[in-house]
N, C-alpha and C. Protein backbone atom coordinates (compact mmCIF):
# COMPACT_ATOMS: atom_id res chain seq x y z
N MET A 1 9.23 -6.06 4.79
CA MET A 1 8.16 -5.95 3.83
C MET A 1 8.32 -7.02 2.75
N GLY A 2 7.25 -7.28 2.06
CA GLY A 2 7.29 -8.27 1.00
C GLY A 2 6.64 -9.58 1.39
N VAL A 3 6.34 -9.75 2.67
CA VAL A 3 5.68 -10.96 3.15
C VAL A 3 4.24 -10.58 3.46
N VAL A 4 3.31 -11.46 3.18
CA VAL A 4 1.88 -11.16 3.35
C VAL A 4 1.57 -10.65 4.76
N SER A 5 2.20 -11.19 5.76
CA SER A 5 1.89 -10.81 7.14
C SER A 5 2.63 -9.56 7.61
N SER A 6 3.46 -8.95 6.77
CA SER A 6 4.27 -7.80 7.20
C SER A 6 3.44 -6.65 7.75
N LEU A 7 2.38 -6.28 7.05
CA LEU A 7 1.56 -5.16 7.51
C LEU A 7 0.91 -5.45 8.85
N ASP A 8 0.40 -6.67 9.02
CA ASP A 8 -0.22 -7.03 10.30
C ASP A 8 0.80 -7.02 11.43
N LEU A 9 1.98 -7.56 11.17
CA LEU A 9 3.02 -7.59 12.20
C LEU A 9 3.48 -6.18 12.55
N ALA A 10 3.64 -5.32 11.55
CA ALA A 10 4.04 -3.94 11.82
C ALA A 10 2.97 -3.22 12.64
N ASN A 11 1.69 -3.44 12.33
CA ASN A 11 0.62 -2.81 13.10
C ASN A 11 0.57 -3.33 14.52
N LEU A 12 0.74 -4.62 14.71
CA LEU A 12 0.75 -5.19 16.07
C LEU A 12 1.93 -4.64 16.88
N TYR A 13 3.08 -4.53 16.24
CA TYR A 13 4.27 -4.00 16.90
C TYR A 13 4.03 -2.56 17.36
N GLY A 14 3.51 -1.72 16.45
CA GLY A 14 3.22 -0.33 16.80
C GLY A 14 2.15 -0.20 17.86
N CYS A 15 1.12 -1.03 17.78
CA CYS A 15 0.03 -1.00 18.75
C CYS A 15 0.51 -1.39 20.14
N PHE A 16 1.40 -2.35 20.21
CA PHE A 16 1.94 -2.79 21.50
C PHE A 16 2.61 -1.63 22.23
N PHE A 17 3.48 -0.89 21.53
CA PHE A 17 4.20 0.20 22.17
C PHE A 17 3.30 1.40 22.44
N LYS A 18 2.31 1.64 21.59
CA LYS A 18 1.34 2.71 21.83
C LYS A 18 0.56 2.42 23.12
N ASP A 19 0.08 1.18 23.25
CA ASP A 19 -0.67 0.81 24.45
C ASP A 19 0.19 0.86 25.69
N ARG A 20 1.44 0.40 25.57
CA ARG A 20 2.35 0.41 26.71
C ARG A 20 2.65 1.84 27.19
N ALA A 21 2.70 2.78 26.25
CA ALA A 21 2.97 4.17 26.61
C ALA A 21 1.76 4.86 27.23
N GLY A 22 0.56 4.33 26.99
CA GLY A 22 -0.66 4.95 27.51
C GLY A 22 -0.95 6.30 26.88
N VAL A 23 -0.58 6.44 25.61
CA VAL A 23 -0.71 7.72 24.93
C VAL A 23 -2.17 8.19 24.87
N HIS A 24 -3.12 7.28 24.77
CA HIS A 24 -4.53 7.67 24.69
C HIS A 24 -5.07 8.18 26.03
N LEU A 25 -4.34 7.98 27.09
CA LEU A 25 -4.77 8.45 28.41
C LEU A 25 -4.13 9.77 28.79
N HIS A 26 -3.19 10.24 28.01
CA HIS A 26 -2.45 11.46 28.35
C HIS A 26 -3.34 12.69 28.12
N PRO A 27 -3.47 13.56 29.12
CA PRO A 27 -4.38 14.71 28.99
C PRO A 27 -3.92 15.76 27.96
N ASP A 28 -2.64 15.78 27.61
CA ASP A 28 -2.14 16.76 26.65
C ASP A 28 -2.09 16.24 25.21
N ILE A 29 -2.62 15.02 24.99
CA ILE A 29 -2.65 14.45 23.64
C ILE A 29 -4.10 14.08 23.31
N PRO A 30 -4.84 15.02 22.72
CA PRO A 30 -6.25 14.73 22.40
C PRO A 30 -6.42 13.74 21.25
N PHE A 31 -5.38 13.59 20.41
CA PHE A 31 -5.47 12.63 19.31
C PHE A 31 -4.09 12.07 19.00
N TYR A 32 -4.05 10.76 18.83
CA TYR A 32 -2.83 10.08 18.36
C TYR A 32 -3.28 8.99 17.40
N GLY A 33 -2.69 8.98 16.23
CA GLY A 33 -3.01 7.97 15.24
C GLY A 33 -1.75 7.46 14.58
N ARG A 34 -1.84 6.29 14.02
CA ARG A 34 -0.68 5.68 13.40
C ARG A 34 -1.15 4.85 12.22
N TYR A 35 -0.39 4.91 11.12
CA TYR A 35 -0.62 4.05 9.97
C TYR A 35 0.69 3.34 9.70
N ILE A 36 0.75 2.06 10.02
CA ILE A 36 1.97 1.25 9.94
C ILE A 36 3.07 1.93 10.77
N ASP A 37 4.02 2.59 10.12
CA ASP A 37 5.13 3.21 10.84
C ASP A 37 5.07 4.74 10.80
N ASP A 38 3.97 5.30 10.36
CA ASP A 38 3.80 6.75 10.35
C ASP A 38 2.88 7.16 11.49
N CYS A 39 3.38 8.01 12.38
CA CYS A 39 2.63 8.41 13.57
C CYS A 39 2.22 9.87 13.46
N PHE A 40 1.07 10.19 14.04
CA PHE A 40 0.57 11.56 14.03
C PHE A 40 -0.11 11.84 15.37
N GLY A 41 0.20 12.97 15.96
CA GLY A 41 -0.43 13.32 17.22
C GLY A 41 -0.74 14.80 17.29
N LEU A 42 -1.89 15.13 17.85
CA LEU A 42 -2.21 16.51 18.20
C LEU A 42 -1.86 16.68 19.67
N VAL A 43 -1.10 17.71 19.98
CA VAL A 43 -0.57 17.87 21.33
C VAL A 43 -0.84 19.29 21.83
N TYR A 44 -1.31 19.39 23.07
CA TYR A 44 -1.42 20.69 23.73
C TYR A 44 -0.06 20.97 24.37
N ALA A 45 0.59 22.04 23.93
CA ALA A 45 1.90 22.40 24.47
C ALA A 45 2.14 23.89 24.30
N LYS A 46 3.10 24.43 25.03
CA LYS A 46 3.37 25.87 24.94
C LYS A 46 4.12 26.23 23.67
N ASP A 47 4.86 25.28 23.09
CA ASP A 47 5.57 25.52 21.84
C ASP A 47 5.88 24.19 21.15
N GLU A 48 6.43 24.29 19.94
CA GLU A 48 6.71 23.08 19.15
C GLU A 48 7.70 22.15 19.84
N LEU A 49 8.74 22.73 20.44
CA LEU A 49 9.76 21.92 21.10
C LEU A 49 9.17 21.11 22.25
N SER A 50 8.29 21.72 23.02
CA SER A 50 7.65 21.00 24.14
C SER A 50 6.78 19.85 23.63
N ALA A 51 6.06 20.10 22.54
CA ALA A 51 5.21 19.05 21.96
C ALA A 51 6.07 17.89 21.46
N LYS A 52 7.13 18.22 20.78
CA LYS A 52 8.03 17.19 20.24
C LYS A 52 8.67 16.38 21.38
N CYS A 53 9.12 17.05 22.41
CA CYS A 53 9.74 16.37 23.56
C CYS A 53 8.75 15.45 24.26
N LEU A 54 7.51 15.88 24.39
CA LEU A 54 6.49 15.04 25.02
C LEU A 54 6.34 13.72 24.27
N LEU A 55 6.19 13.80 22.95
CA LEU A 55 6.02 12.58 22.16
C LEU A 55 7.29 11.73 22.15
N GLU A 56 8.46 12.37 22.04
CA GLU A 56 9.72 11.62 22.03
C GLU A 56 9.93 10.84 23.32
N ASN A 57 9.55 11.43 24.44
CA ASN A 57 9.76 10.78 25.74
C ASN A 57 8.67 9.79 26.10
N LEU A 58 7.51 9.91 25.49
CA LEU A 58 6.39 9.05 25.83
C LEU A 58 6.31 7.82 24.93
N ILE A 59 6.48 8.00 23.64
CA ILE A 59 6.29 6.92 22.67
C ILE A 59 7.64 6.42 22.19
N ILE A 60 8.03 5.26 22.66
CA ILE A 60 9.32 4.68 22.32
C ILE A 60 9.09 3.26 21.81
N PHE A 61 9.47 3.02 20.57
CA PHE A 61 9.40 1.67 19.98
C PHE A 61 10.79 1.06 20.10
N ASN A 62 10.90 -0.11 20.69
CA ASN A 62 12.19 -0.78 20.79
C ASN A 62 12.75 -1.04 19.39
N ASN A 63 14.05 -0.81 19.25
CA ASN A 63 14.78 -1.06 18.00
C ASN A 63 14.27 -0.23 16.83
N CYS A 64 13.57 0.87 17.09
CA CYS A 64 13.10 1.77 16.03
C CYS A 64 13.41 3.21 16.44
N THR A 65 13.73 4.02 15.46
CA THR A 65 13.93 5.44 15.69
C THR A 65 12.78 6.19 15.06
N ILE A 66 12.08 6.96 15.88
CA ILE A 66 10.98 7.77 15.38
C ILE A 66 11.48 9.20 15.28
N GLU A 67 11.36 9.79 14.11
CA GLU A 67 11.76 11.17 13.92
C GLU A 67 10.51 12.03 13.97
N TRP A 68 10.33 12.75 15.08
CA TRP A 68 9.16 13.60 15.26
C TRP A 68 9.44 14.99 14.71
N SER A 69 8.44 15.61 14.17
CA SER A 69 8.52 17.02 13.79
C SER A 69 7.26 17.70 14.33
N ALA A 70 7.35 19.00 14.51
CA ALA A 70 6.22 19.71 15.11
C ALA A 70 6.05 21.07 14.45
N SER A 71 4.81 21.53 14.42
CA SER A 71 4.48 22.85 13.90
C SER A 71 3.17 23.30 14.52
N ASP A 72 3.06 24.60 14.76
CA ASP A 72 1.80 25.11 15.30
C ASP A 72 0.87 25.60 14.19
N SER A 73 1.27 25.44 12.93
CA SER A 73 0.42 25.92 11.84
C SER A 73 -0.01 24.84 10.86
N TYR A 74 0.90 23.92 10.46
CA TYR A 74 0.51 22.85 9.54
C TYR A 74 1.46 21.67 9.67
N MET A 75 1.01 20.52 9.20
CA MET A 75 1.85 19.33 9.22
C MET A 75 1.43 18.41 8.07
N THR A 76 2.40 17.84 7.40
CA THR A 76 2.12 16.87 6.35
C THR A 76 2.13 15.49 6.96
N PHE A 77 1.10 14.70 6.66
CA PHE A 77 1.01 13.33 7.14
C PHE A 77 0.51 12.46 6.00
N LEU A 78 1.33 11.52 5.59
CA LEU A 78 1.05 10.64 4.45
C LEU A 78 0.76 11.49 3.21
N ASP A 79 -0.45 11.46 2.68
CA ASP A 79 -0.74 12.19 1.45
C ASP A 79 -1.65 13.39 1.69
N MET A 80 -1.58 13.98 2.88
CA MET A 80 -2.39 15.17 3.16
C MET A 80 -1.62 16.16 4.02
N THR A 81 -2.01 17.41 3.90
CA THR A 81 -1.50 18.46 4.76
C THR A 81 -2.64 18.89 5.67
N LEU A 82 -2.37 18.86 6.96
CA LEU A 82 -3.36 19.26 7.96
C LEU A 82 -2.97 20.65 8.48
N PHE A 83 -3.97 21.50 8.67
CA PHE A 83 -3.70 22.86 9.13
C PHE A 83 -4.93 23.42 9.83
N PHE A 84 -4.76 24.55 10.49
CA PHE A 84 -5.86 25.26 11.13
C PHE A 84 -6.17 26.50 10.30
N ASP A 85 -7.45 26.73 10.02
CA ASP A 85 -7.83 27.92 9.28
C ASP A 85 -7.87 29.13 10.22
N LYS A 86 -8.31 30.29 9.71
CA LYS A 86 -8.32 31.52 10.51
C LYS A 86 -9.21 31.44 11.73
N ASN A 87 -10.18 30.51 11.72
CA ASN A 87 -11.07 30.32 12.88
C ASN A 87 -10.58 29.21 13.81
N LYS A 88 -9.35 28.74 13.55
CA LYS A 88 -8.74 27.65 14.35
C LYS A 88 -9.48 26.34 14.19
N THR A 89 -10.14 26.16 13.05
CA THR A 89 -10.82 24.90 12.73
C THR A 89 -9.86 24.01 11.96
N PRO A 90 -9.73 22.75 12.33
CA PRO A 90 -8.82 21.86 11.58
C PRO A 90 -9.31 21.66 10.14
N GLN A 91 -8.39 21.73 9.21
CA GLN A 91 -8.68 21.55 7.79
C GLN A 91 -7.60 20.65 7.18
N TRP A 92 -7.83 20.25 5.94
CA TRP A 92 -6.82 19.47 5.24
C TRP A 92 -6.93 19.71 3.74
N HIS A 93 -5.84 19.39 3.05
CA HIS A 93 -5.87 19.34 1.60
C HIS A 93 -4.85 18.30 1.15
N PRO A 94 -5.01 17.76 -0.05
CA PRO A 94 -4.09 16.71 -0.51
C PRO A 94 -2.65 17.22 -0.59
N TYR A 95 -1.73 16.34 -0.31
CA TYR A 95 -0.31 16.64 -0.41
C TYR A 95 0.30 15.76 -1.49
N ARG A 96 1.05 16.35 -2.37
CA ARG A 96 1.76 15.61 -3.41
C ARG A 96 3.24 15.96 -3.32
N LYS A 97 4.07 14.94 -3.28
CA LYS A 97 5.51 15.17 -3.28
C LYS A 97 5.90 15.86 -4.57
N LEU A 98 6.95 16.64 -4.51
CA LEU A 98 7.38 17.43 -5.65
C LEU A 98 7.64 16.57 -6.89
N LEU A 99 8.22 15.40 -6.71
CA LEU A 99 8.56 14.54 -7.85
C LEU A 99 7.54 13.43 -8.07
N ASN A 100 6.32 13.63 -7.63
CA ASN A 100 5.28 12.63 -7.84
C ASN A 100 4.75 12.74 -9.27
N TYR A 101 4.96 11.69 -10.04
CA TYR A 101 4.50 11.67 -11.43
C TYR A 101 3.27 10.80 -11.60
N PHE A 102 2.67 10.38 -10.48
CA PHE A 102 1.45 9.56 -10.48
C PHE A 102 1.65 8.25 -11.25
N GLU A 103 2.85 7.72 -11.19
CA GLU A 103 3.13 6.44 -11.83
C GLU A 103 3.00 5.32 -10.81
N CYS A 104 2.50 4.19 -11.26
CA CYS A 104 2.38 3.02 -10.39
C CYS A 104 3.51 2.06 -10.70
N ILE A 105 4.04 1.46 -9.67
CA ILE A 105 5.07 0.44 -9.85
C ILE A 105 4.39 -0.90 -9.91
N PRO A 106 4.55 -1.63 -11.02
CA PRO A 106 3.86 -2.94 -11.13
C PRO A 106 4.45 -3.96 -10.19
């Protein structure tokens, strides 16, 4: 980071491995998205462990370690929490880290 082209290079790197894995063609992954180095996927699975294992075994970036987490009720991604309401409709609300003081670093 710190170089003008860093974001573009990081996105190209992530896109290369996403395309190589064929994640968008997998029938058990209706959605997969990525912002730089943060990945998010909706997975059809019998439990959280199965969903996590599917993504761990399918999406592999060379020289990078991806730490996947899974939940059948909610997940935090970047600055939002995604969850399903009582009707199983996807919803979201803003997420703020506990020590977020809304300060900007110049």
